[in-house]
C-alpha atoms as a PDB file:
ATOM      1  CA  MET A   1      -0.207   0.289  -0.356  1.00  0.00           C
ATOM      2  CA  PRO A   2       1.792   3.325  -0.802  1.00  0.00           C
ATOM      3  CA  ASN A   3       2.726   5.622   2.112  1.00  0.00           C
ATOM      4  CA  PHE A   4       0.292   7.785   3.396  1.00  0.00           C
ATOM      5  CA  PRO A   5       1.368  11.916   3.564  1.00  0.00           C
ATOM      6  CA  ASN A   6       3.655  12.106   7.202  1.00  0.00           C
ATOM      7  CA  SER A   7       1.116  15.426   7.963  1.00  0.00           C
ATOM      8  CA  VAL A   8      -1.934  16.705   7.041  1.00  0.00           C
ATOM      9  CA  LEU A   9      -4.129  19.933   6.983  1.00  0.00           C
ATOM     10  CA  VAL A  10      -7.804  19.703   7.346  1.00  0.00           C
ATOM     11  CA  THR A  11      -9.932  23.075   6.813  1.00  0.00           C
ATOM     12  CA  GLY A  12     -13.940  22.653   7.982  1.00  0.00           C
ATOM     13  CA  ALA A  13     -12.660  20.130  10.362  1.00  0.00           C
ATOM     14  CA  SER A  14     -15.431  21.060  12.634  1.00  0.00           C
ATOM     15  CA  GLY A  15     -18.067  20.258  10.397  1.00  0.00           C
ATOM     16  CA  ALA A  16     -19.250  16.499   9.754  1.00  0.00           C
ATOM     17  CA  GLN A  17     -17.484  16.340   6.435  1.00  0.00           C
ATOM     18  CA  GLY A  18     -14.181  17.458   7.781  1.00  0.00           C
ATOM     19  CA  SER A  19     -14.395  15.761  11.139  1.00  0.00           C
ATOM     20  CA  ALA A  20     -14.790  12.640   9.184  1.00  0.00           C
ATOM     21  CA  ILE A  21     -11.597  13.189   7.189  1.00  0.00           C
ATOM     22  CA  VAL A  22      -9.764  13.903   9.972  1.00  0.00           C
ATOM     23  CA  SER A  23     -10.180  10.667  11.838  1.00  0.00           C
ATOM     24  CA  ALA A  24      -9.794   9.163   8.736  1.00  0.00           C
ATOM     25  CA  CYS A  25      -6.411  10.549   8.666  1.00  0.00           C
ATOM     26  CA  ARG A  26      -5.679  10.041  12.099  1.00  0.00           C
ATOM     27  CA  ALA A  27      -6.944   6.409  11.453  1.00  0.00           C
ATOM     28  CA  ALA A  28      -3.816   6.013   8.433  1.00  0.00           C
ATOM     29  CA  GLY A  29      -1.283   7.655  10.526  1.00  0.00           C
ATOM     30  CA  ALA A  30      -0.650  11.064  10.198  1.00  0.00           C
ATOM     31  CA  THR A  31      -0.275  13.886  12.030  1.00  0.00           C
ATOM     32  CA  VAL A  32      -3.366  16.220  11.902  1.00  0.00           C
ATOM     33  CA  ARG A  33      -3.408  19.757  11.554  1.00  0.00           C
ATOM     34  CA  VAL A  34      -6.886  21.504  11.587  1.00  0.00           C
ATOM     35  CA  LEU A  35      -7.846  24.980  10.839  1.00  0.00           C
ATOM     36  CA  LEU A  36     -10.124  26.766  13.761  1.00  0.00           C
ATOM     37  CA  ARG A  37     -11.994  29.758  14.073  1.00  0.00           C
ATOM     38  CA  LYS A  38     -10.389  31.970  17.237  1.00  0.00           C
ATOM     39  CA  GLY A  39     -12.916  31.402  20.027  1.00  0.00           C
ATOM     40  CA  SER A  40     -13.992  28.389  18.786  1.00  0.00           C
ATOM     41  CA  PRO A  41     -14.275  24.966  20.976  1.00  0.00           C
ATOM     42  CA  ASP A  42     -11.606  22.464  20.525  1.00  0.00           C
ATOM     43  CA  PRO A  43     -13.519  19.166  19.551  1.00  0.00           C
ATOM     44  CA  PHE A  44     -10.030  16.882  18.766  1.00  0.00           C
ATOM     45  CA  GLY A  45      -8.146  17.210  22.128  1.00  0.00           C
ATOM     46  CA  ASP A  46      -4.523  15.820  22.250  1.00  0.00           C
ATOM     47  CA  GLY A  47      -3.516  14.541  18.924  1.00  0.00           C
ATOM     48  CA  VAL A  48      -4.340  17.196  16.507  1.00  0.00           C
ATOM     49  CA  ASN A  49      -2.683  20.454  15.921  1.00  0.00           C
ATOM     50  CA  ILE A  50      -4.441  23.633  15.738  1.00  0.00           C
ATOM     51  CA  VAL A  51      -4.167  26.811  13.953  1.00  0.00           C
ATOM     52  CA  ARG A  52      -6.453  29.370  15.251  1.00  0.00           C
ATOM     53  CA  GLY A  53      -7.821  31.497  11.837  1.00  0.00           C
ATOM     54  CA  ASP A  54      -9.978  31.244   8.919  1.00  0.00           C
ATOM     55  CA  LEU A  55      -9.871  30.767   5.370  1.00  0.00           C
ATOM     56  CA  ALA A  56     -10.262  35.130   5.040  1.00  0.00           C
ATOM     57  CA  ASP A  57      -6.869  35.210   6.234  1.00  0.00           C
ATOM     58  CA  PRO A  58      -4.262  34.824   4.149  1.00  0.00           C
ATOM     59  CA  GLY A  59      -1.251  35.067   7.054  1.00  0.00           C
ATOM     60  CA  ARG A  60      -2.809  32.327   9.199  1.00  0.00           C
ATOM     61  CA  LEU A  61      -3.070  29.892   6.029  1.00  0.00           C
ATOM     62  CA  ALA A  62       0.822  30.108   5.450  1.00  0.00           C
ATOM     63  CA  LEU A  63       1.017  29.470   8.877  1.00  0.00           C
ATOM     64  CA  ALA A  64      -1.042  26.433   8.767  1.00  0.00           C
ATOM     65  CA  CYS A  65      -0.062  24.739   5.272  1.00  0.00           C
ATOM     66  CA  LEU A  66       3.968  25.530   6.941  1.00  0.00           C
ATOM     67  CA  GLY A  67       5.565  22.418   6.726  1.00  0.00           C
ATOM     68  CA  VAL A  68       2.459  20.074   6.322  1.00  0.00           C
ATOM     69  CA  ASP A  69       2.790  17.317   2.997  1.00  0.00           C
ATOM     70  CA  ALA A  70      -0.908  18.127   2.076  1.00  0.00           C
ATOM     71  CA  VAL A  71      -3.715  19.330   2.502  1.00  0.00           C
ATOM     72  CA  ALA A  72      -7.624  18.142   2.448  1.00  0.00           C
ATOM     73  CA  LEU A  73      -9.945  21.046   1.222  1.00  0.00           C
ATOM     74  CA  THR A  74     -13.494  21.379   2.169  1.00  0.00           C
ATOM     75  CA  LEU A  75     -15.344  24.760   2.257  1.00  0.00           C
ATOM     76  CA  PRO A  76     -17.638  26.008   4.391  1.00  0.00           C
ATOM     77  CA  VAL A  77     -21.243  24.542   3.731  1.00  0.00           C
ATOM     78  CA  GLY A  78     -23.501  27.616   2.732  1.00  0.00           C
ATOM     79  CA  ALA A  79     -20.312  29.680   1.434  1.00  0.00           C
ATOM     80  CA  SER A  80     -21.564  32.052  -1.330  1.00  0.00           C
ATOM     81  CA  PRO A  81     -19.898  31.675  -4.887  1.00  0.00           C
ATOM     82  CA  GLU A  82     -17.706  35.072  -3.758  1.00  0.00           C
ATOM     83  CA  GLU A  83     -16.711  33.051  -0.428  1.00  0.00           C
ATOM     84  CA  ILE A  84     -16.014  29.712  -2.375  1.00  0.00           C
ATOM     85  CA  LEU A  85     -13.372  31.425  -4.802  1.00  0.00           C
ATOM     86  CA  ARG A  86     -11.629  33.842  -2.159  1.00  0.00           C
ATOM     87  CA  TYR A  87     -11.459  30.896   0.298  1.00  0.00           C
ATOM     88  CA  GLY A  88     -10.435  28.253  -2.180  1.00  0.00           C
ATOM     89  CA  ARG A  89      -7.415  30.959  -3.858  1.00  0.00           C
ATOM     90  CA  ASN A  90      -6.200  31.665  -0.052  1.00  0.00           C
ATOM     91  CA  ILE A  91      -5.794  27.785   0.503  1.00  0.00           C
ATOM     92  CA  ALA A  92      -4.046  26.733  -2.963  1.00  0.00           C
ATOM     93  CA  ASP A  93      -1.683  30.318  -2.844  1.00  0.00           C
ATOM     94  CA  ALA A  94      -1.133  29.298   0.604  1.00  0.00           C
ATOM     95  CA  ALA A  95      -0.520  25.703  -0.484  1.00  0.00           C
ATOM     96  CA  GLN A  96       1.862  26.630  -3.176  1.00  0.00           C
ATOM     97  CA  GLN A  97       4.132  28.984  -1.443  1.00  0.00           C
ATOM     98  CA  GLY A  98       4.557  26.511   1.659  1.00  0.00           C
ATOM     99  CA  GLY A  99       5.873  24.010  -0.721  1.00  0.00           C
ATOM    100  CA  VAL A 100       2.732  21.157  -0.182  1.00  0.00           C
ATOM    101  CA  LYS A 101       2.981  18.104  -1.972  1.00  0.00           C
ATOM    102  CA  LEU A 102      -0.593  17.432  -2.962  1.00  0.00           C
ATOM    103  CA  LEU A 103      -3.848  18.698  -2.371  1.00  0.00           C
ATOM    104  CA  VAL A 104      -7.053  16.990  -2.146  1.00  0.00           C
ATOM    105  CA  PHE A 105     -10.364  18.921  -3.089  1.00  0.00           C
ATOM    106  CA  ASN A 106     -13.842  17.357  -1.423  1.00  0.00           C
ATOM    107  CA  THR A 107     -16.109  19.958  -3.486  1.00  0.00           C
ATOM    108  CA  SER A 108     -19.043  18.674  -1.067  1.00  0.00           C
ATOM    109  CA  GLY A 109     -21.421  18.124  -4.145  1.00  0.00           C
ATOM    110  CA  HIS A 110     -21.628  17.324  -7.838  1.00  0.00           C
ATOM    111  CA  VAL A 111     -20.262  20.128  -9.992  1.00  0.00           C
ATOM    112  CA  SER A 112     -20.356  20.475 -14.007  1.00  0.00           C
ATOM    113  CA  GLY A 113     -18.054  22.882 -15.781  1.00  0.00           C
ATOM    114  CA  ARG A 114     -21.177  26.009 -17.359  1.00  0.00           C
ATOM    115  CA  SER A 115     -23.927  24.791 -15.180  1.00  0.00           C
ATOM    116  CA  GLY A 116     -25.165  28.707 -15.170  1.00  0.00           C
ATOM    117  CA  THR A 117     -25.566  27.696 -11.540  1.00  0.00           C
ATOM    118  CA  ALA A 118     -23.612  30.474  -9.088  1.00  0.00           C
ATOM    119  CA  VAL A 119     -22.473  27.867  -6.718  1.00  0.00           C
ATOM    120  CA  MET A 120     -20.937  25.027  -9.384  1.00  0.00           C
ATOM    121  CA  ASP A 121     -19.768  27.550 -11.793  1.00  0.00           C
ATOM    122  CA  ALA A 122     -17.573  28.757  -8.938  1.00  0.00           C
ATOM    123  CA  LYS A 123     -16.076  25.345  -8.012  1.00  0.00           C
ATOM    124  CA  THR A 124     -15.461  25.003 -11.514  1.00  0.00           C
ATOM    125  CA  GLU A 125     -13.597  28.453 -11.558  1.00  0.00           C
ATOM    126  CA  LEU A 126     -11.935  27.447  -8.209  1.00  0.00           C
ATOM    127  CA  ILE A 127     -10.437  23.876  -9.731  1.00  0.00           C
ATOM    128  CA  ASP A 128      -9.148  25.520 -12.718  1.00  0.00           C
ATOM    129  CA  TYR A 129      -7.741  28.258 -10.157  1.00  0.00           C
ATOM    130  CA  ILE A 130      -6.090  25.010  -8.390  1.00  0.00           C
ATOM    131  CA  LYS A 131      -4.869  23.449 -11.223  1.00  0.00           C
ATOM    132  CA  THR A 132      -2.703  26.416 -12.614  1.00  0.00           C
ATOM    133  CA  PHE A 133      -1.348  27.995  -9.494  1.00  0.00           C
ATOM    134  CA  GLY A 134      -1.552  25.495  -6.623  1.00  0.00           C
ATOM    135  CA  PRO A 135       0.115  22.466  -5.938  1.00  0.00           C
ATOM    136  CA  PRO A 136      -0.497  19.609  -7.335  1.00  0.00           C
ATOM    137  CA  SER A 137      -4.068  18.344  -6.636  1.00  0.00           C
ATOM    138  CA  ILE A 138      -7.134  15.806  -6.963  1.00  0.00           C
ATOM    139  CA  VAL A 139     -11.099  16.716  -7.039  1.00  0.00           C
ATOM    140  CA  LEU A 140     -13.237  14.473  -5.366  1.00  0.00           C
ATOM    141  CA  LYS A 141     -16.996  15.649  -6.269  1.00  0.00           C
ATOM    142  CA  PRO A 142     -19.010  13.780  -4.264  1.00  0.00           C
ATOM    143  CA  THR A 143     -23.213  13.031  -4.636  1.00  0.00           C
ATOM    144  CA  LEU A 144     -25.423  13.535  -2.247  1.00  0.00           C
ATOM    145  CA  ALA A 145     -24.822  12.656   1.538  1.00  0.00           C
ATOM    146  CA  MET A 146     -26.649  10.157   3.340  1.00  0.00           C
ATOM    147  CA  SER A 147     -27.044  12.008   6.207  1.00  0.00           C
ATOM    148  CA  ASN A 148     -29.388  14.353   4.237  1.00  0.00           C
ATOM    149  CA  ILE A 149     -31.816  11.405   5.200  1.00  0.00           C
ATOM    150  CA  ALA A 150     -31.059  11.148   8.625  1.00  0.00           C
ATOM    151  CA  ALA A 151     -31.321  14.856   9.442  1.00  0.00           C
ATOM    152  CA  PRO A 152     -33.399  16.859  11.947  1.00  0.00           C
ATOM    153  CA  TRP A 153     -35.680  17.674   9.408  1.00  0.00           C
ATOM    154  CA  SER A 154     -35.819  14.465   7.931  1.00  0.00           C
ATOM    155  CA  ALA A 155     -35.756  11.587  10.464  1.00  0.00           C
ATOM    156  CA  PRO A 156     -39.170  12.582  12.567  1.00  0.00           C
ATOM    157  CA  ALA A 157     -40.859  12.629   8.687  1.00  0.00           C
ATOM    158  CA  ILE A 158     -39.696   9.129   8.105  1.00  0.00           C
ATOM    159  CA  MET A 159     -40.652   7.998  11.882  1.00  0.00           C
ATOM    160  CA  HIS A 160     -43.956   9.703  12.716  1.00  0.00           C
ATOM    161  CA  GLN A 161     -45.029  10.377   8.910  1.00  0.00           C
ATOM    162  CA  GLY A 162     -43.794   7.357   7.100  1.00  0.00           C
ATOM    163  CA  VAL A 163     -42.623  10.025   4.913  1.00  0.00           C
ATOM    164  CA  LEU A 164     -39.321  10.206   2.908  1.00  0.00           C
ATOM    165  CA  ALA A 165     -39.191  13.850   1.366  1.00  0.00           C
ATOM    166  CA  TYR A 166     -36.242  14.829  -0.472  1.00  0.00           C
ATOM    167  CA  PRO A 167     -36.465  17.658  -3.930  1.00  0.00           C
ATOM    168  CA  LEU A 168     -36.180  14.909  -6.567  1.00  0.00           C
ATOM    169  CA  PRO A 169     -37.830  13.762  -8.794  1.00  0.00           C
ATOM    170  CA  ALA A 170     -39.105  10.036  -7.997  1.00  0.00           C
ATOM    171  CA  ASN A 171     -37.170   8.708 -11.312  1.00  0.00           C
ATOM    172  CA  PHE A 172     -34.131  10.198 -10.102  1.00  0.00           C
ATOM    173  CA  GLN A 173     -31.208   7.504  -9.562  1.00  0.00           C
ATOM    174  CA  THR A 174     -28.602   8.508  -7.561  1.00  0.00           C
ATOM    175  CA  SER A 175     -25.564   7.305  -6.123  1.00  0.00           C
ATOM    176  CA  TRP A 176     -25.641   8.120  -2.225  1.00  0.00           C
ATOM    177  CA  ILE A 177     -22.242   8.549   0.014  1.00  0.00           C
ATOM    178  CA  SER A 178     -21.786   8.618   4.019  1.00  0.00           C
ATOM    179  CA  TRP A 179     -19.358  10.831   5.349  1.00  0.00           C
ATOM    180  CA  GLN A 180     -17.057   8.396   6.496  1.00  0.00           C
ATOM    181  CA  ASP A 181     -16.978   7.153   2.691  1.00  0.00           C
ATOM    182  CA  MET A 182     -16.245  10.218   1.408  1.00  0.00           C
ATOM    183  CA  ALA A 183     -13.551  10.674   3.454  1.00  0.00           C
ATOM    184  CA  ALA A 184     -11.997   7.036   2.865  1.00  0.00           C
ATOM    185  CA  TYR A 185     -11.880   8.468  -0.593  1.00  0.00           C
ATOM    186  CA  VAL A 186      -9.941  11.498   0.621  1.00  0.00           C
ATOM    187  CA  VAL A 187      -7.722   9.167   2.353  1.00  0.00           C
ATOM    188  CA  GLU A 188      -6.763   7.426  -0.753  1.00  0.00           C
ATOM    189  CA  ALA A 189      -6.325  10.019  -3.120  1.00  0.00           C
ATOM    190  CA  LEU A 190      -3.912  11.153  -0.270  1.00  0.00           C
ATOM    191  CA  ARG A 191      -1.922   7.900  -1.064  1.00  0.00           C
ATOM    192  CA  HIS A 192      -2.003   8.392  -4.547  1.00  0.00           C
ATOM    193  CA  PRO A 193       0.020  11.625  -5.493  1.00  0.00           C
ATOM    194  CA  GLU A 194       0.606  10.131  -9.262  1.00  0.00           C
ATOM    195  CA  LEU A 195      -3.067  10.980 -10.061  1.00  0.00           C
ATOM    196  CA  ALA A 196      -2.607  14.374  -9.379  1.00  0.00           C
ATOM    197  CA  GLY A 197      -4.684  16.283 -12.117  1.00  0.00           C
ATOM    198  CA  ALA A 198      -7.519  14.186 -11.915  1.00  0.00           C
ATOM    199  CA  SER A 199     -10.949  14.112 -10.988  1.00  0.00           C
ATOM    200  CA  PHE A 200     -13.662  12.119  -9.364  1.00  0.00           C
ATOM    201  CA  ASP A 201     -17.189  11.950  -8.915  1.00  0.00           C
ATOM    202  CA  ILE A 202     -17.686   9.353  -6.019  1.00  0.00           C
ATOM    203  CA  GLY A 203     -20.768   8.120  -4.388  1.00  0.00           C
ATOM    204  CA  GLY A 204     -22.127   4.617  -3.150  1.00  0.00           C
ATOM    205  CA  PRO A 205     -22.745   1.242  -4.595  1.00  0.00           C
ATOM    206  CA  GLN A 206     -26.233   2.045  -5.937  1.00  0.00           C
ATOM    207  CA  ALA A 207     -28.055   4.108  -7.910  1.00  0.00           C
ATOM    208  CA  LEU A 208     -31.060   4.588  -6.060  1.00  0.00           C
ATOM    209  CA  THR A 209     -34.613   6.282  -6.442  1.00  0.00           C
ATOM    210  CA  GLY A 210     -36.353   7.639  -3.984  1.00  0.00           C
ATOM    211  CA  PRO A 211     -39.264   5.296  -4.062  1.00  0.00           C
ATOM    212  CA  GLU A 212     -36.653   2.723  -3.936  1.00  0.00           C
ATOM    213  CA  MET A 213     -34.728   4.258  -0.596  1.00  0.00           C
ATOM    214  CA  ALA A 214     -38.062   4.287   0.967  1.00  0.00           C
ATOM    215  CA  VAL A 215     -38.940   0.315   0.436  1.00  0.00           C
ATOM    216  CA  ILE A 216     -35.498  -0.481   1.836  1.00  0.00           C
ATOM    217  CA  LEU A 217     -36.316   1.747   5.038  1.00  0.00           C
ATOM    218  CA  SER A 218     -39.677   0.322   5.172  1.00  0.00           C
ATOM    219  CA  GLY A 219     -37.533  -2.707   6.044  1.00  0.00           C
ATOM    220  CA  ILE A 220     -35.722  -1.192   8.510  1.00  0.00           C
ATOM    221  CA  VAL A 221     -37.765   1.473  10.696  1.00  0.00           C
ATOM    222  CA  GLY A 222     -40.521  -0.755  11.075  1.00  0.00           C
ATOM    223  CA  ARG A 223     -43.233   1.099   9.368  1.00  0.00           C
ATOM    224  CA  GLU A 224     -44.458   1.540   5.839  1.00  0.00           C
ATOM    225  CA  VAL A 225     -42.165   4.527   3.968  1.00  0.00           C
ATOM    226  CA  SER A 226     -43.189   6.487   0.671  1.00  0.00           C
ATOM    227  CA  TYR A 227     -41.477   9.121  -1.068  1.00  0.00           C
ATOM    228  CA  TYR A 228     -42.929  12.514  -1.435  1.00  0.00           C
ATOM    229  CA  PRO A 229     -40.546  14.503  -4.085  1.00  0.00           C
ATOM    230  CA  VAL A 230     -40.451  18.346  -2.118  1.00  0.00           C
ATOM    231  CA  PRO A 231     -41.483  21.185  -4.923  1.00  0.00           C
ATOM    232  CA  LEU A 232     -38.394  23.141  -5.204  1.00  0.00           C
ATOM    233  CA  ALA A 233     -40.488  26.249  -3.942  1.00  0.00           C
ATOM    234  CA  ASP A 234     -41.129  24.497  -0.857  1.00  0.00           C
ATOM    235  CA  PHE A 235     -37.468  23.160  -0.437  1.00  0.00           C
ATOM    236  CA  ALA A 236     -35.896  27.300  -0.782  1.00  0.00           C
ATOM    237  CA  ALA A 237     -38.445  28.384   1.714  1.00  0.00           C
ATOM    238  CA  ALA A 238     -37.782  25.670   4.602  1.00  0.00           C
ATOM    239  CA  LEU A 239     -33.994  25.993   3.276  1.00  0.00           C
ATOM    240  CA  GLU A 240     -34.443  29.521   4.139  1.00  0.00           C
ATOM    241  CA  THR A 241     -35.132  29.259   7.486  1.00  0.00           C
ATOM    242  CA  MET A 242     -31.832  27.474   8.348  1.00  0.00           C
ATOM    243  CA  LEU A 243     -29.285  28.732   6.175  1.00  0.00           C
ATOM    244  CA  GLY A 244     -30.391  32.410   4.536  1.00  0.00           C
ATOM    245  CA  LYS A 245     -32.113  33.633   1.762  1.00  0.00           C
ATOM    246  CA  ASP A 246     -29.229  33.806  -0.266  1.00  0.00           C
ATOM    247  CA  ALA A 247     -27.961  30.604   0.558  1.00  0.00           C
ATOM    248  CA  ALA A 248     -31.067  29.120   0.251  1.00  0.00           C
ATOM    249  CA  GLU A 249     -31.650  30.368  -3.160  1.00  0.00           C
ATOM    250  CA  GLN A 250     -28.352  29.040  -4.401  1.00  0.00           C
ATOM    251  CA  THR A 251     -28.466  25.624  -3.458  1.00  0.00           C
ATOM    252  CA  ALA A 252     -32.441  25.650  -4.544  1.00  0.00           C
ATOM    253  CA  ALA A 253     -30.600  26.509  -8.222  1.00  0.00           C
ATOM    254  CA  SER A 254     -28.469  23.700  -7.777  1.00  0.00           C
ATOM    255  CA  TYR A 255     -31.372  21.543  -7.622  1.00  0.00           C
ATOM    256  CA  ALA A 256     -33.247  23.261 -10.300  1.00  0.00           C
ATOM    257  CA  TRP A 257     -30.093  22.289 -12.340  1.00  0.00           C
ATOM    258  CA  ILE A 258     -29.633  18.405 -11.128  1.00  0.00           C
ATOM    259  CA  ARG A 259     -33.152  17.853 -11.792  1.00  0.00           C
ATOM    260  CA  SER A 260     -33.399  19.475 -15.374  1.00  0.00           C
ATOM    261  CA  GLN A 261     -30.146  16.878 -16.001  1.00  0.00           C
ATOM    262  CA  LYS A 262     -30.807  13.431 -16.962  1.00  0.00           C
ATOM    263  CA  GLN A 263     -32.012  10.957 -14.610  1.00  0.00           C
ATOM    264  CA  ALA A 264     -28.754   9.327 -13.962  1.00  0.00           C
ATOM    265  CA  VAL A 265     -26.819  12.410 -13.586  1.00  0.00           C
ATOM    266  CA  LEU A 266     -26.082  11.141 -10.015  1.00  0.00           C
ATOM    267  CA  ALA A 267     -25.369   7.928 -10.683  1.00  0.00           C
ATOM    268  CA  VAL A 268     -21.866   7.231 -10.065  1.00  0.00           C
ATOM    269  CA  ASP A 269     -20.072   4.819 -12.264  1.00  0.00           C
ATOM    270  CA  LEU A 270     -17.006   3.294  -9.902  1.00  0.00           C
ATOM    271  CA  GLY A 271     -15.233   0.978 -11.924  1.00  0.00           C
ATOM    272  CA  GLN A 272     -12.557   3.327 -13.037  1.00  0.00           C
ATOM    273  CA  THR A 273     -12.576   5.149  -9.717  1.00  0.00           C
ATOM    274  CA  THR A 274     -12.406   1.941  -7.741  1.00  0.00           C
ATOM    275  CA  ARG A 275      -9.132   0.506  -9.372  1.00  0.00           C
ATOM    276  CA  LEU A 276      -7.082   4.136  -8.764  1.00  0.00           C
ATOM    277  CA  LEU A 277      -8.674   4.633  -5.132  1.00  0.00           C
ATOM    278  CA  PRO A 278      -9.477   1.187  -4.019  1.00  0.00           C
ATOM    279  CA  VAL A 279     -12.632   2.245  -1.720  1.00  0.00           C
ATOM    280  CA  LYS A 280     -15.647  -0.334  -0.953  1.00  0.00           C
ATOM    281  CA  PRO A 281     -17.917   1.861   0.061  1.00  0.00           C
ATOM    282  CA  THR A 282     -21.249   1.730   2.199  1.00  0.00           C
ATOM    283  CA  SER A 283     -24.536   0.486   0.795  1.00  0.00           C
ATOM    284  CA  PHE A 284     -27.698   2.298   1.585  1.00  0.00           C
ATOM    285  CA  ALA A 285     -28.870  -0.538   3.703  1.00  0.00           C
ATOM    286  CA  GLU A 286     -26.337  -0.746   5.624  1.00  0.00           C
ATOM    287  CA  TRP A 287     -25.576   3.030   6.360  1.00  0.00           C
ATOM    288  CA  ALA A 288     -29.859   2.891   7.498  1.00  0.00           C
ATOM    289  CA  ARG A 289     -29.809  -0.561   9.384  1.00  0.00           C
ATOM    290  CA  ALA A 290     -26.670   1.215  11.648  1.00  0.00           C
ATOM    291  CA  LEU A 291     -28.422   4.230  12.516  1.00  0.00           C
ATOM    292  CA  ASP A 292     -31.229   4.670  15.865  1.00  0.00           C
ATOM    293  CA  TRP A 293     -34.158   5.992  13.803  1.00  0.00           C
ATOM    294  CA  ALA A 294     -36.241   6.433  17.275  1.00  0.00           C
ATOM    295  CA  ALA A 295     -33.530   8.484  18.760  1.00  0.00           C
ATOM    296  CA  LEU A 296     -32.944  10.795  15.637  1.00  0.00           C
ATOM    297  CA  ALA A 297     -36.568  11.102  15.331  1.00  0.00           C
ATOM    298  CA  GLY A 298     -36.562  12.662  18.556  1.00  0.00           C
ATOM    299  CA  ASP A 299     -38.831   9.504  20.399  1.00  0.00           C
ATOM    300  CA  ALA A 300     -39.338   9.833  23.598  1.00  0.00           C
ATOM    301  CA  LYS A 301     -38.471   6.146  24.320  1.00  0.00           C
ATOM    302  CA  ALA A 302     -35.001   6.774  23.246  1.00  0.00           C
ATOM    303  CA  ALA A 303     -34.613   9.833  25.150  1.00  0.00           C
END
């Protein structure tokens, strides 16, 4: 097995994606450094190096990149297109100047060039910038996160109403991916600097429609579950209460673009990817069976 980098800087480390990457890199034997905002709690404790700062501060990024072999880049959820470009360019510049040998960019979602959506177009522009001005890089483009199905706005409806609601048409096929599997792909990419310049669409082992996921959940949560394709307007309105107007509109625009594409745009063929990045991703059923759905739904019995 190829050697893993001795030291890795992980951005976005306090979020669900970043914390999964931190755990995976530590398990691979690397010394992990993370970037945390000033005043934010340290969720990691001993064994993880902390640099206080954020992606908007080039000076702190230069310090964070000093002496590390690799960077695992994840941008903040809800970052605006302008922030995506500014933060991404800042870390690419700092990594290049600091002599980082490899940067792995987790795009946190599907990216297609010339989509006409602000967020995807910004990520496409950032990928071009990293390839031109940053260190050697590998881009990983995950599909949709399985954790969306177990989120506070999803799990109660599944358990209490028997409804799996999501803003995709019922016939859309999606290779859902867990955060742990996404992190496993990051680790494998970090093992293979010879793949620099490559981009990989990553996802789970099966492309499932919403109704197929509902059938799987029915056998796990102990009640019949049906699929409801949430209208985009309702989705955007719900997002606005959580993320604010601008982020909600940008996210809804990305989903609108996805819905306008062929039914399999999020169905990933892992053949070539698995040969180069040997990860065995978790199926949706395996992932769902491992969860305590009653607790996720906030049932009194689980308290």
